[in-house]
Protein backbone atom coordinates (compact mmCIF):
# COMPACT_ATOMS: atom_id res chain seq x y z
CA MET A 1 -26.48 -11.69 -16.80
CA GLU A 2 -25.12 -10.75 -13.38
CA LEU A 3 -24.19 -14.35 -12.68
CA ILE A 4 -22.13 -14.58 -15.87
CA GLN A 5 -20.42 -11.28 -15.06
CA PHE A 6 -19.71 -12.54 -11.53
CA TYR A 7 -18.08 -15.73 -12.81
CA ILE A 8 -15.93 -13.82 -15.30
CA VAL A 9 -14.73 -11.38 -12.65
CA ALA A 10 -14.17 -14.23 -10.18
CA ALA A 11 -11.98 -16.01 -12.74
CA ILE A 12 -9.99 -12.80 -13.30
CA THR A 13 -9.60 -12.38 -9.54
CA ILE A 14 -8.40 -15.92 -8.95
CA SER A 15 -5.98 -15.90 -11.89
CA SER A 16 -4.45 -12.57 -10.90
CA ALA A 17 -4.17 -13.69 -7.26
CA VAL A 18 -2.29 -16.80 -8.38
CA SER A 19 -0.15 -14.56 -10.57
CA VAL A 20 0.80 -12.47 -7.51
CA ILE A 21 2.26 -15.56 -5.90
CA MET A 22 3.87 -17.09 -8.99
CA GLN A 23 5.57 -14.01 -10.47
CA GLY A 24 9.34 -13.91 -10.37
CA ARG A 25 9.66 -10.15 -10.56
CA VAL A 26 8.35 -7.91 -7.82
CA MET A 27 6.89 -5.20 -10.05
CA TYR A 28 4.85 -7.73 -12.03
CA SER A 29 3.59 -9.13 -8.76
CA ILE A 30 2.51 -5.66 -7.64
CA LEU A 31 0.70 -5.08 -10.95
CA SER A 32 -1.10 -8.39 -10.49
CA LEU A 33 -2.02 -7.32 -6.97
CA ILE A 34 -3.57 -4.14 -8.36
CA VAL A 35 -5.65 -6.21 -10.80
CA THR A 36 -6.71 -8.49 -7.95
CA LEU A 37 -7.81 -5.61 -5.72
CA LEU A 38 -9.67 -3.84 -8.52
CA SER A 39 -11.49 -7.01 -9.50
CA VAL A 40 -12.52 -7.57 -5.86
CA ALA A 41 -13.94 -4.04 -5.92
CA TRP A 42 -15.78 -4.98 -9.10
CA ILE A 43 -17.29 -7.99 -7.32
CA TYR A 44 -18.45 -5.69 -4.53
CA ALA A 45 -20.05 -3.42 -7.13
CA ILE A 46 -21.84 -6.41 -8.70
CA LEU A 47 -23.21 -7.30 -5.26
CA ASN A 48 -24.51 -3.70 -4.81
CA ALA A 49 -22.05 -2.93 -2.01
CA SER A 50 -20.90 0.37 -3.48
CA PHE A 51 -19.34 1.68 -0.26
CA LEU A 52 -17.12 -1.38 0.03
CA ALA A 53 -16.15 -1.07 -3.63
CA VAL A 54 -15.10 2.55 -3.20
CA VAL A 55 -13.19 1.80 0.01
CA GLN A 56 -11.47 -1.12 -1.70
CA VAL A 57 -10.29 1.08 -4.56
CA ILE A 58 -9.25 4.08 -2.46
CA LEU A 59 -7.70 2.33 0.50
CA TYR A 60 -6.17 -0.83 -0.89
CA ALA A 61 -5.60 -0.29 -4.60
CA GLY A 62 -4.68 3.33 -4.03
CA ALA A 63 -2.76 3.64 -0.80
CA ILE A 64 -1.31 0.25 0.09
CA VAL A 65 -0.09 -0.60 -3.40
CA VAL A 66 1.60 2.81 -3.64
CA LEU A 67 3.40 2.01 -0.40
CA PHE A 68 4.53 -1.32 -1.88
CA VAL A 69 5.84 0.42 -4.99
CA PHE A 70 7.76 2.99 -2.93
CA ALA A 71 9.23 0.25 -0.72
CA VAL A 72 10.40 -1.69 -3.77
CA MET A 73 11.90 1.44 -5.31
CA MET A 74 13.75 2.31 -2.10
CA LEU A 75 15.13 -1.20 -1.62
CA ARG A 76 16.52 -1.48 -5.13
């Protein structure tokens, strides 16, 4: 069961990472980046690395993406 869940989350991660690169609009790219970072945290949780999953969500999906959003809002 864990292997199937891992493959599903890995497919979501890869497709959203490709979407970050291929998006034409910056805000859609940032939303895809959020999905990518949250799915990487989900992979960490599947692998029983709960500390890394929490750090991934708090540090990257929380702080860095917020900085990206503010930078895009200030540049527009």
